[in-house]
Amino acid sequence: DVIDISRIRVLLNAASAAGKLPRTVIYSLNPSMYYTLATLCGA
């Protein structure tokens, strides 16, 4: 099923706020997530 994008954002934001966000690559087996994931990655 599609995963709520806010869940992934919370993780990335927490790591970023701590200055500890690693180089990250995100894949989705559900292609309907591509659009939202691509915009999240750009943030």
PDB file of all heavy atoms in Angstrom:
ATOM      1  N   ASP A   1       0.829  -1.205   0.000  1.00  0.00           N
ATOM      2  CA  ASP A   1       0.000   0.000   0.000  1.00  0.00           C
ATOM      3  C   ASP A   1       0.865   1.257   0.000  1.00  0.00           C
ATOM      4  O   ASP A   1       2.030   1.238   0.430  1.00  0.00           O
ATOM      5  CB  ASP A   1      -0.902   0.025   1.241  1.00  0.00           C
ATOM      6  CG  ASP A   1      -1.942  -1.083   1.228  1.00  0.00           C
ATOM      7  OD1 ASP A   1      -2.302  -1.530   0.123  1.00  0.00           O
ATOM      8  OD2 ASP A   1      -2.375  -1.498   2.318  1.00  0.00           O
ATOM      9  N   VAL A   2       0.285   2.338  -0.467  1.00  0.00           N
ATOM     10  CA  VAL A   2       0.953   3.627  -0.421  1.00  0.00           C
ATOM     11  C   VAL A   2       1.256   3.992   1.028  1.00  0.00           C
ATOM     12  O   VAL A   2       0.426   3.812   1.924  1.00  0.00           O
ATOM     13  CB  VAL A   2       0.067   4.717  -1.066  1.00  0.00           C
ATOM     14  CG1 VAL A   2       0.634   6.107  -0.814  1.00  0.00           C
ATOM     15  CG2 VAL A   2      -0.068   4.466  -2.566  1.00  0.00           C
ATOM     16  N   ILE A   3       2.462   4.488   1.269  1.00  0.00           N
ATOM     17  CA  ILE A   3       2.867   4.918   2.603  1.00  0.00           C
ATOM     18  C   ILE A   3       2.677   6.428   2.713  1.00  0.00           C
ATOM     19  O   ILE A   3       3.049   7.177   1.799  1.00  0.00           O
ATOM     20  CB  ILE A   3       4.341   4.544   2.874  1.00  0.00           C
ATOM     21  CG1 ILE A   3       4.474   3.021   2.937  1.00  0.00           C
ATOM     22  CG2 ILE A   3       4.848   5.186   4.162  1.00  0.00           C
ATOM     23  CD1 ILE A   3       5.902   2.532   3.002  1.00  0.00           C
ATOM     24  N   ASP A   4       2.103   6.869   3.813  1.00  0.00           N
ATOM     25  CA  ASP A   4       1.907   8.293   4.064  1.00  0.00           C
ATOM     26  C   ASP A   4       3.251   9.007   3.988  1.00  0.00           C
ATOM     27  O   ASP A   4       4.174   8.703   4.752  1.00  0.00           O
ATOM     28  CB  ASP A   4       1.270   8.478   5.448  1.00  0.00           C
ATOM     29  CG  ASP A   4       0.889   9.919   5.743  1.00  0.00           C
ATOM     30  OD1 ASP A   4       1.404  10.828   5.057  1.00  0.00           O
ATOM     31  OD2 ASP A   4       0.088  10.138   6.669  1.00  0.00           O
ATOM     32  N   ILE A   5       3.373   9.951   3.072  1.00  0.00           N
ATOM     33  CA  ILE A   5       4.648  10.616   2.833  1.00  0.00           C
ATOM     34  C   ILE A   5       5.132  11.367   4.066  1.00  0.00           C
ATOM     35  O   ILE A   5       6.341  11.564   4.256  1.00  0.00           O
ATOM     36  CB  ILE A   5       4.524  11.572   1.613  1.00  0.00           C
ATOM     37  CG1 ILE A   5       5.902  11.798   0.967  1.00  0.00           C
ATOM     38  CG2 ILE A   5       3.891  12.893   1.995  1.00  0.00           C
ATOM     39  CD1 ILE A   5       6.388  10.632   0.192  1.00  0.00           C
ATOM     40  N   SER A   6       4.209  11.771   4.941  1.00  0.00           N
ATOM     41  CA  SER A   6       4.615  12.508   6.130  1.00  0.00           C
ATOM     42  C   SER A   6       5.482  11.662   7.055  1.00  0.00           C
ATOM     43  O   SER A   6       6.322  12.182   7.794  1.00  0.00           O
ATOM     44  CB  SER A   6       3.383  13.020   6.891  1.00  0.00           C
ATOM     45  OG  SER A   6       2.634  11.946   7.422  1.00  0.00           O
ATOM     46  N   ARG A   7       5.302  10.338   7.016  1.00  0.00           N
ATOM     47  CA  ARG A   7       6.116   9.454   7.856  1.00  0.00           C
ATOM     48  C   ARG A   7       7.586   9.518   7.426  1.00  0.00           C
ATOM     49  O   ARG A   7       8.492   9.557   8.271  1.00  0.00           O
ATOM     50  CB  ARG A   7       5.607   8.020   7.769  1.00  0.00           C
ATOM     51  CG  ARG A   7       4.191   7.833   8.282  1.00  0.00           C
ATOM     52  CD  ARG A   7       3.810   6.372   8.323  1.00  0.00           C
ATOM     53  NE  ARG A   7       2.472   6.176   8.887  1.00  0.00           N
ATOM     54  CZ  ARG A   7       2.012   5.028   9.323  1.00  0.00           C
ATOM     55  NH1 ARG A   7       2.766   3.942   9.265  1.00  0.00           N
ATOM     56  NH2 ARG A   7       0.793   4.934   9.821  1.00  0.00           N
ATOM     57  N   ILE A   8       7.802   9.513   6.133  1.00  0.00           N
ATOM     58  CA  ILE A   8       9.172   9.564   5.629  1.00  0.00           C
ATOM     59  C   ILE A   8       9.765  10.955   5.865  1.00  0.00           C
ATOM     60  O   ILE A   8      10.940  11.105   6.212  1.00  0.00           O
ATOM     61  CB  ILE A   8       9.196   9.190   4.138  1.00  0.00           C
ATOM     62  CG1 ILE A   8       8.495   7.835   3.942  1.00  0.00           C
ATOM     63  CG2 ILE A   8      10.622   9.111   3.605  1.00  0.00           C
ATOM     64  CD1 ILE A   8       7.940   7.615   2.578  1.00  0.00           C
ATOM     65  N   ARG A   9       8.926  11.968   5.705  1.00  0.00           N
ATOM     66  CA  ARG A   9       9.385  13.338   5.933  1.00  0.00           C
ATOM     67  C   ARG A   9       9.850  13.520   7.369  1.00  0.00           C
ATOM     68  O   ARG A   9      10.876  14.168   7.625  1.00  0.00           O
ATOM     69  CB  ARG A   9       8.263  14.327   5.625  1.00  0.00           C
ATOM     70  CG  ARG A   9       8.667  15.795   5.834  1.00  0.00           C
ATOM     71  CD  ARG A   9       7.472  16.721   5.759  1.00  0.00           C
ATOM     72  NE  ARG A   9       6.512  16.458   6.828  1.00  0.00           N
ATOM     73  CZ  ARG A   9       6.672  16.879   8.081  1.00  0.00           C
ATOM     74  NH1 ARG A   9       7.746  17.577   8.428  1.00  0.00           N
ATOM     75  NH2 ARG A   9       5.769  16.608   8.994  1.00  0.00           N
ATOM     76  N   VAL A  10       9.123  12.951   8.328  1.00  0.00           N
ATOM     77  CA  VAL A  10       9.497  13.085   9.734  1.00  0.00           C
ATOM     78  C   VAL A  10      10.890  12.514   9.978  1.00  0.00           C
ATOM     79  O   VAL A  10      11.717  13.108  10.683  1.00  0.00           O
ATOM     80  CB  VAL A  10       8.448  12.395  10.637  1.00  0.00           C
ATOM     81  CG1 VAL A  10       8.971  12.237  12.061  1.00  0.00           C
ATOM     82  CG2 VAL A  10       7.150  13.191  10.645  1.00  0.00           C
ATOM     83  N   LEU A  11      11.192  11.361   9.396  1.00  0.00           N
ATOM     84  CA  LEU A  11      12.518  10.764   9.555  1.00  0.00           C
ATOM     85  C   LEU A  11      13.601  11.648   8.942  1.00  0.00           C
ATOM     86  O   LEU A  11      14.616  11.949   9.586  1.00  0.00           O
ATOM     87  CB  LEU A  11      12.558   9.375   8.914  1.00  0.00           C
ATOM     88  CG  LEU A  11      13.952   8.735   8.849  1.00  0.00           C
ATOM     89  CD1 LEU A  11      14.481   8.450  10.244  1.00  0.00           C
ATOM     90  CD2 LEU A  11      13.927   7.461   8.004  1.00  0.00           C
ATOM     91  N   LEU A  12      13.400  12.064   7.689  1.00  0.00           N
ATOM     92  CA  LEU A  12      14.403  12.885   7.018  1.00  0.00           C
ATOM     93  C   LEU A  12      14.605  14.211   7.743  1.00  0.00           C
ATOM     94  O   LEU A  12      15.731  14.685   7.901  1.00  0.00           O
ATOM     95  CB  LEU A  12      13.993  13.134   5.566  1.00  0.00           C
ATOM     96  CG  LEU A  12      13.858  11.895   4.674  1.00  0.00           C
ATOM     97  CD1 LEU A  12      13.414  12.307   3.270  1.00  0.00           C
ATOM     98  CD2 LEU A  12      15.153  11.105   4.609  1.00  0.00           C
ATOM     99  N   ASN A  13      13.518  14.801   8.192  1.00  0.00           N
ATOM    100  CA  ASN A  13      13.612  16.092   8.867  1.00  0.00           C
ATOM    101  C   ASN A  13      14.320  15.964  10.210  1.00  0.00           C
ATOM    102  O   ASN A  13      15.120  16.840  10.593  1.00  0.00           O
ATOM    103  CB  ASN A  13      12.217  16.688   9.062  1.00  0.00           C
ATOM    104  CG  ASN A  13      12.270  18.132   9.495  1.00  0.00           C
ATOM    105  OD1 ASN A  13      12.879  18.967   8.828  1.00  0.00           O
ATOM    106  ND2 ASN A  13      11.661  18.443  10.626  1.00  0.00           N
ATOM    107  N   ALA A  14      14.041  14.886  10.944  1.00  0.00           N
ATOM    108  CA  ALA A  14      14.701  14.682  12.233  1.00  0.00           C
ATOM    109  C   ALA A  14      16.211  14.528  12.052  1.00  0.00           C
ATOM    110  O   ALA A  14      17.004  15.118  12.794  1.00  0.00           O
ATOM    111  CB  ALA A  14      14.123  13.454  12.932  1.00  0.00           C
ATOM    112  N   ALA A  15      16.607  13.749  11.049  1.00  0.00           N
ATOM    113  CA  ALA A  15      18.036  13.570  10.791  1.00  0.00           C
ATOM    114  C   ALA A  15      18.672  14.869  10.325  1.00  0.00           C
ATOM    115  O   ALA A  15      19.780  15.228  10.735  1.00  0.00           O
ATOM    116  CB  ALA A  15      18.243  12.469   9.758  1.00  0.00           C
ATOM    117  N   SER A  16      17.959  15.603   9.465  1.00  0.00           N
ATOM    118  CA  SER A  16      18.473  16.876   8.968  1.00  0.00           C
ATOM    119  C   SER A  16      18.623  17.889  10.096  1.00  0.00           C
ATOM    120  O   SER A  16      19.625  18.607  10.186  1.00  0.00           O
ATOM    121  CB  SER A  16      17.539  17.424   7.889  1.00  0.00           C
ATOM    122  OG  SER A  16      17.975  18.677   7.414  1.00  0.00           O
ATOM    123  N   ALA A  17      17.623  17.964  10.990  1.00  0.00           N
ATOM    124  CA  ALA A  17      17.660  18.915  12.100  1.00  0.00           C
ATOM    125  C   ALA A  17      18.822  18.627  13.045  1.00  0.00           C
ATOM    126  O   ALA A  17      19.380  19.543  13.669  1.00  0.00           O
ATOM    127  CB  ALA A  17      16.341  18.884  12.864  1.00  0.00           C
ATOM    128  N   ALA A  18      19.193  17.355  13.145  1.00  0.00           N
ATOM    129  CA  ALA A  18      20.322  16.976  13.994  1.00  0.00           C
ATOM    130  C   ALA A  18      21.656  17.115  13.273  1.00  0.00           C
ATOM    131  O   ALA A  18      22.715  16.853  13.863  1.00  0.00           O
ATOM    132  CB  ALA A  18      20.137  15.533  14.466  1.00  0.00           C
ATOM    133  N   GLY A  19      21.607  17.549  12.003  1.00  0.00           N
ATOM    134  CA  GLY A  19      22.833  17.643  11.209  1.00  0.00           C
ATOM    135  C   GLY A  19      23.408  16.292  10.855  1.00  0.00           C
ATOM    136  O   GLY A  19      24.606  16.165  10.600  1.00  0.00           O
ATOM    137  N   LYS A  20      22.545  15.250  10.821  1.00  0.00           N
ATOM    138  CA  LYS A  20      23.001  13.877  10.610  1.00  0.00           C
ATOM    139  C   LYS A  20      22.177  13.174   9.536  1.00  0.00           C
ATOM    140  O   LYS A  20      21.801  12.008   9.691  1.00  0.00           O
ATOM    141  CB  LYS A  20      22.898  13.090  11.919  1.00  0.00           C
ATOM    142  CG  LYS A  20      23.747  13.623  13.061  1.00  0.00           C
ATOM    143  CD  LYS A  20      25.229  13.403  12.832  1.00  0.00           C
ATOM    144  CE  LYS A  20      26.029  13.824  14.057  1.00  0.00           C
ATOM    145  NZ  LYS A  20      27.478  13.575  13.858  1.00  0.00           N
ATOM    146  N   LEU A  21      21.911  13.857   8.443  1.00  0.00           N
ATOM    147  CA  LEU A  21      21.176  13.228   7.350  1.00  0.00           C
ATOM    148  C   LEU A  21      22.167  12.639   6.360  1.00  0.00           C
ATOM    149  O   LEU A  21      22.923  13.372   5.707  1.00  0.00           O
ATOM    150  CB  LEU A  21      20.276  14.247   6.648  1.00  0.00           C
ATOM    151  CG  LEU A  21      19.464  13.726   5.451  1.00  0.00           C
ATOM    152  CD1 LEU A  21      18.518  12.614   5.878  1.00  0.00           C
ATOM    153  CD2 LEU A  21      18.679  14.860   4.794  1.00  0.00           C
ATOM    154  N   PRO A  22      22.213  11.305   6.224  1.00  0.00           N
ATOM    155  CA  PRO A  22      23.163  10.703   5.283  1.00  0.00           C
ATOM    156  C   PRO A  22      22.689  10.843   3.842  1.00  0.00           C
ATOM    157  O   PRO A  22      21.526  11.175   3.584  1.00  0.00           O
ATOM    158  CB  PRO A  22      23.173   9.235   5.711  1.00  0.00           C
ATOM    159  CG  PRO A  22      21.785   9.000   6.246  1.00  0.00           C
ATOM    160  CD  PRO A  22      21.389  10.295   6.900  1.00  0.00           C
ATOM    161  N   ARG A  23      23.582  10.605   2.903  1.00  0.00           N
ATOM    162  CA  ARG A  23      23.164  10.442   1.511  1.00  0.00           C
ATOM    163  C   ARG A  23      22.122   9.346   1.501  1.00  0.00           C
ATOM    164  O   ARG A  23      22.331   8.261   2.060  1.00  0.00           O
ATOM    165  CB  ARG A  23      24.371  10.054   0.661  1.00  0.00           C
ATOM    166  CG  ARG A  23      24.056   9.659  -0.781  1.00  0.00           C
ATOM    167  CD  ARG A  23      23.807  10.873  -1.635  1.00  0.00           C
ATOM    168  NE  ARG A  23      23.717  10.511  -3.043  1.00  0.00           N
ATOM    169  CZ  ARG A  23      22.591  10.162  -3.668  1.00  0.00           C
ATOM    170  NH1 ARG A  23      21.449  10.098  -3.015  1.00  0.00           N
ATOM    171  NH2 ARG A  23      22.597   9.874  -4.957  1.00  0.00           N
ATOM    172  N   THR A  24      20.965   9.630   0.889  1.00  0.00           N
ATOM    173  CA  THR A  24      19.826   8.722   0.974  1.00  0.00           C
ATOM    174  C   THR A  24      19.218   8.463  -0.395  1.00  0.00           C
ATOM    175  O   THR A  24      19.054   9.393  -1.191  1.00  0.00           O
ATOM    176  CB  THR A  24      18.742   9.315   1.908  1.00  0.00           C
ATOM    177  OG1 THR A  24      19.303   9.528   3.217  1.00  0.00           O
ATOM    178  CG2 THR A  24      17.544   8.383   2.025  1.00  0.00           C
ATOM    179  N   VAL A  25      18.903   7.205  -0.675  1.00  0.00           N
ATOM    180  CA  VAL A  25      18.212   6.819  -1.906  1.00  0.00           C
ATOM    181  C   VAL A  25      16.927   6.104  -1.500  1.00  0.00           C
ATOM    182  O   VAL A  25      16.956   5.149  -0.722  1.00  0.00           O
ATOM    183  CB  VAL A  25      19.074   5.902  -2.787  1.00  0.00           C
ATOM    184  CG1 VAL A  25      18.360   5.597  -4.099  1.00  0.00           C
ATOM    185  CG2 VAL A  25      20.442   6.528  -3.065  1.00  0.00           C
ATOM    186  N   ILE A  26      15.796   6.587  -2.034  1.00  0.00           N
ATOM    187  CA  ILE A  26      14.487   6.044  -1.660  1.00  0.00           C
ATOM    188  C   ILE A  26      13.835   5.374  -2.870  1.00  0.00           C
ATOM    189  O   ILE A  26      13.710   5.979  -3.937  1.00  0.00           O
ATOM    190  CB  ILE A  26      13.562   7.155  -1.126  1.00  0.00           C
ATOM    191  CG1 ILE A  26      14.228   7.891   0.044  1.00  0.00           C
ATOM    192  CG2 ILE A  26      12.227   6.571  -0.685  1.00  0.00           C
ATOM    193  CD1 ILE A  26      13.406   9.047   0.589  1.00  0.00           C
ATOM    194  N   TYR A  27      13.407   4.132  -2.701  1.00  0.00           N
ATOM    195  CA  TYR A  27      12.742   3.368  -3.748  1.00  0.00           C
ATOM    196  C   TYR A  27      11.316   3.057  -3.288  1.00  0.00           C
ATOM    197  O   TYR A  27      11.070   2.844  -2.101  1.00  0.00           O
ATOM    198  CB  TYR A  27      13.454   2.037  -4.000  1.00  0.00           C
ATOM    199  CG  TYR A  27      14.949   2.111  -4.127  1.00  0.00           C
ATOM    200  CD1 TYR A  27      15.755   2.128  -2.990  1.00  0.00           C
ATOM    201  CD2 TYR A  27      15.568   2.136  -5.379  1.00  0.00           C
ATOM    202  CE1 TYR A  27      17.139   2.177  -3.098  1.00  0.00           C
ATOM    203  CE2 TYR A  27      16.950   2.178  -5.492  1.00  0.00           C
ATOM    204  CZ  TYR A  27      17.732   2.209  -4.346  1.00  0.00           C
ATOM    205  OH  TYR A  27      19.095   2.255  -4.448  1.00  0.00           O
ATOM    206  N   SER A  28      10.410   2.979  -4.233  1.00  0.00           N
ATOM    207  CA  SER A  28       9.051   2.551  -3.902  1.00  0.00           C
ATOM    208  C   SER A  28       8.625   1.451  -4.854  1.00  0.00           C
ATOM    209  O   SER A  28       8.790   1.570  -6.074  1.00  0.00           O
ATOM    210  CB  SER A  28       8.067   3.717  -4.002  1.00  0.00           C
ATOM    211  OG  SER A  28       6.740   3.248  -3.827  1.00  0.00           O
ATOM    212  N   LEU A  29       8.077   0.373  -4.282  1.00  0.00           N
ATOM    213  CA  LEU A  29       7.532  -0.680  -5.128  1.00  0.00           C
ATOM    214  C   LEU A  29       6.169  -0.288  -5.678  1.00  0.00           C
ATOM    215  O   LEU A  29       5.708  -0.842  -6.669  1.00  0.00           O
ATOM    216  CB  LEU A  29       7.430  -1.984  -4.332  1.00  0.00           C
ATOM    217  CG  LEU A  29       7.336  -3.274  -5.133  1.00  0.00           C
ATOM    218  CD1 LEU A  29       8.499  -3.401  -6.098  1.00  0.00           C
ATOM    219  CD2 LEU A  29       7.284  -4.483  -4.211  1.00  0.00           C
ATOM    220  N   ASN A  30       5.530   0.686  -5.036  1.00  0.00           N
ATOM    221  CA  ASN A  30       4.250   1.203  -5.510  1.00  0.00           C
ATOM    222  C   ASN A  30       4.502   2.476  -6.312  1.00  0.00           C
ATOM    223  O   ASN A  30       4.837   3.520  -5.751  1.00  0.00           O
ATOM    224  CB  ASN A  30       3.326   1.510  -4.322  1.00  0.00           C
ATOM    225  CG  ASN A  30       1.901   1.779  -4.756  1.00  0.00           C
ATOM    226  OD1 ASN A  30       1.672   2.415  -5.773  1.00  0.00           O
ATOM    227  ND2 ASN A  30       0.942   1.319  -3.967  1.00  0.00           N
ATOM    228  N   PRO A  31       4.378   2.421  -7.643  1.00  0.00           N
ATOM    229  CA  PRO A  31       4.757   3.568  -8.482  1.00  0.00           C
ATOM    230  C   PRO A  31       3.892   4.800  -8.268  1.00  0.00           C
ATOM    231  O   PRO A  31       4.292   5.905  -8.656  1.00  0.00           O
ATOM    232  CB  PRO A  31       4.624   3.034  -9.912  1.00  0.00           C
ATOM    233  CG  PRO A  31       3.656   1.897  -9.810  1.00  0.00           C
ATOM    234  CD  PRO A  31       3.892   1.285  -8.464  1.00  0.00           C
ATOM    235  N   SER A  32       2.730   4.644  -7.649  1.00  0.00           N
ATOM    236  CA  SER A  32       1.891   5.817  -7.411  1.00  0.00           C
ATOM    237  C   SER A  32       2.517   6.759  -6.385  1.00  0.00           C
ATOM    238  O   SER A  32       2.050   7.891  -6.206  1.00  0.00           O
ATOM    239  CB  SER A  32       0.495   5.395  -6.948  1.00  0.00           C
ATOM    240  OG  SER A  32       0.545   4.735  -5.700  1.00  0.00           O
ATOM    241  N   MET A  33       3.603   6.318  -5.735  1.00  0.00           N
ATOM    242  CA  MET A  33       4.299   7.158  -4.770  1.00  0.00           C
ATOM    243  C   MET A  33       5.397   8.006  -5.402  1.00  0.00           C
ATOM    244  O   MET A  33       5.962   8.882  -4.742  1.00  0.00           O
ATOM    245  CB  MET A  33       4.912   6.304  -3.657  1.00  0.00           C
ATOM    246  CG  MET A  33       3.905   5.659  -2.720  1.00  0.00           C
ATOM    247  SD  MET A  33       4.717   4.704  -1.394  1.00  0.00           S
ATOM    248  CE  MET A  33       5.582   6.006  -0.512  1.00  0.00           C
ATOM    249  N   TYR A  34       5.743   7.726  -6.667  1.00  0.00           N
ATOM    250  CA  TYR A  34       6.890   8.400  -7.281  1.00  0.00           C
ATOM    251  C   TYR A  34       6.793   9.920  -7.201  1.00  0.00           C
ATOM    252  O   TYR A  34       7.762  10.609  -6.859  1.00  0.00           O
ATOM    253  CB  TYR A  34       7.029   8.001  -8.750  1.00  0.00           C
ATOM    254  CG  TYR A  34       7.538   6.601  -9.013  1.00  0.00           C
ATOM    255  CD1 TYR A  34       7.585   6.094 -10.304  1.00  0.00           C
ATOM    256  CD2 TYR A  34       7.977   5.772  -7.985  1.00  0.00           C
ATOM    257  CE1 TYR A  34       8.052   4.819 -10.575  1.00  0.00           C
ATOM    258  CE2 TYR A  34       8.444   4.502  -8.238  1.00  0.00           C
ATOM    259  CZ  TYR A  34       8.479   4.031  -9.533  1.00  0.00           C
ATOM    260  OH  TYR A  34       8.941   2.766  -9.783  1.00  0.00           O
ATOM    261  N   TYR A  35       5.634  10.446  -7.547  1.00  0.00           N
ATOM    262  CA  TYR A  35       5.486  11.896  -7.665  1.00  0.00           C
ATOM    263  C   TYR A  35       5.737  12.578  -6.320  1.00  0.00           C
ATOM    264  O   TYR A  35       6.514  13.529  -6.217  1.00  0.00           O
ATOM    265  CB  TYR A  35       4.088  12.233  -8.185  1.00  0.00           C
ATOM    266  CG  TYR A  35       4.040  13.436  -9.087  1.00  0.00           C
ATOM    267  CD1 TYR A  35       4.343  13.332 -10.442  1.00  0.00           C
ATOM    268  CD2 TYR A  35       3.687  14.685  -8.589  1.00  0.00           C
ATOM    269  CE1 TYR A  35       4.300  14.435 -11.274  1.00  0.00           C
ATOM    270  CE2 TYR A  35       3.638  15.798  -9.413  1.00  0.00           C
ATOM    271  CZ  TYR A  35       3.951  15.670 -10.763  1.00  0.00           C
ATOM    272  OH  TYR A  35       3.905  16.771 -11.576  1.00  0.00           O
ATOM    273  N   THR A  36       5.063  12.082  -5.283  1.00  0.00           N
ATOM    274  CA  THR A  36       5.247  12.699  -3.969  1.00  0.00           C
ATOM    275  C   THR A  36       6.657  12.466  -3.429  1.00  0.00           C
ATOM    276  O   THR A  36       7.249  13.365  -2.819  1.00  0.00           O
ATOM    277  CB  THR A  36       4.212  12.161  -2.958  1.00  0.00           C
ATOM    278  OG1 THR A  36       4.210  10.729  -3.005  1.00  0.00           O
ATOM    279  CG2 THR A  36       2.830  12.682  -3.276  1.00  0.00           C
ATOM    280  N   LEU A  37       7.198  11.272  -3.655  1.00  0.00           N
ATOM    281  CA  LEU A  37       8.555  10.998  -3.195  1.00  0.00           C
ATOM    282  C   LEU A  37       9.574  11.899  -3.886  1.00  0.00           C
ATOM    283  O   LEU A  37      10.522  12.382  -3.248  1.00  0.00           O
ATOM    284  CB  LEU A  37       8.910   9.530  -3.434  1.00  0.00           C
ATOM    285  CG  LEU A  37       8.427   8.521  -2.399  1.00  0.00           C
ATOM    286  CD1 LEU A  37       8.781   7.110  -2.842  1.00  0.00           C
ATOM    287  CD2 LEU A  37       9.024   8.813  -1.024  1.00  0.00           C
ATOM    288  N   ALA A  38       9.399  12.114  -5.184  1.00  0.00           N
ATOM    289  CA  ALA A  38      10.341  12.967  -5.919  1.00  0.00           C
ATOM    290  C   ALA A  38      10.347  14.380  -5.354  1.00  0.00           C
ATOM    291  O   ALA A  38      11.409  15.008  -5.222  1.00  0.00           O
ATOM    292  CB  ALA A  38       9.996  12.983  -7.401  1.00  0.00           C
ATOM    293  N   THR A  39       9.177  14.903  -4.996  1.00  0.00           N
ATOM    294  CA  THR A  39       9.131  16.247  -4.431  1.00  0.00           C
ATOM    295  C   THR A  39       9.700  16.269  -3.013  1.00  0.00           C
ATOM    296  O   THR A  39      10.348  17.241  -2.608  1.00  0.00           O
ATOM    297  CB  THR A  39       7.691  16.802  -4.420  1.00  0.00           C
ATOM    298  OG1 THR A  39       6.846  15.957  -3.644  1.00  0.00           O
ATOM    299  CG2 THR A  39       7.147  16.898  -5.830  1.00  0.00           C
ATOM    300  N   LEU A  40       9.474  15.194  -2.246  1.00  0.00           N
ATOM    301  CA  LEU A  40      10.060  15.113  -0.907  1.00  0.00           C
ATOM    302  C   LEU A  40      11.580  15.082  -0.986  1.00  0.00           C
ATOM    303  O   LEU A  40      12.271  15.773  -0.227  1.00  0.00           O
ATOM    304  CB  LEU A  40       9.546  13.873  -0.183  1.00  0.00           C
ATOM    305  CG  LEU A  40      10.135  13.621   1.210  1.00  0.00           C
ATOM    306  CD1 LEU A  40       9.716  14.720   2.178  1.00  0.00           C
ATOM    307  CD2 LEU A  40       9.722  12.251   1.742  1.00  0.00           C
ATOM    308  N   CYS A  41      12.109  14.291  -1.907  1.00  0.00           N
ATOM    309  CA  CYS A  41      13.562  14.215  -2.064  1.00  0.00           C
ATOM    310  C   CYS A  41      14.153  15.590  -2.369  1.00  0.00           C
ATOM    311  O   CYS A  41      15.237  15.939  -1.882  1.00  0.00           O
ATOM    312  CB  CYS A  41      13.916  13.234  -3.178  1.00  0.00           C
ATOM    313  SG  CYS A  41      13.558  11.502  -2.794  1.00  0.00           S
ATOM    314  N   GLY A  42      13.433  16.374  -3.163  1.00  0.00           N
ATOM    315  CA  GLY A  42      13.920  17.697  -3.528  1.00  0.00           C
ATOM    316  C   GLY A  42      13.982  18.672  -2.374  1.00  0.00           C
ATOM    317  O   GLY A  42      14.606  19.738  -2.476  1.00  0.00           O
ATOM    318  N   ALA A  43      13.340  18.333  -1.248  1.00  0.00           N
ATOM    319  CA  ALA A  43      13.348  19.216  -0.077  1.00  0.00           C
ATOM    320  C   ALA A  43      14.563  18.994   0.817  1.00  0.00           C
ATOM    321  O   ALA A  43      14.782  19.773   1.754  1.00  0.00           O
ATOM    322  CB  ALA A  43      12.067  19.008   0.734  1.00  0.00           C
TER     323      ALA A  43
END
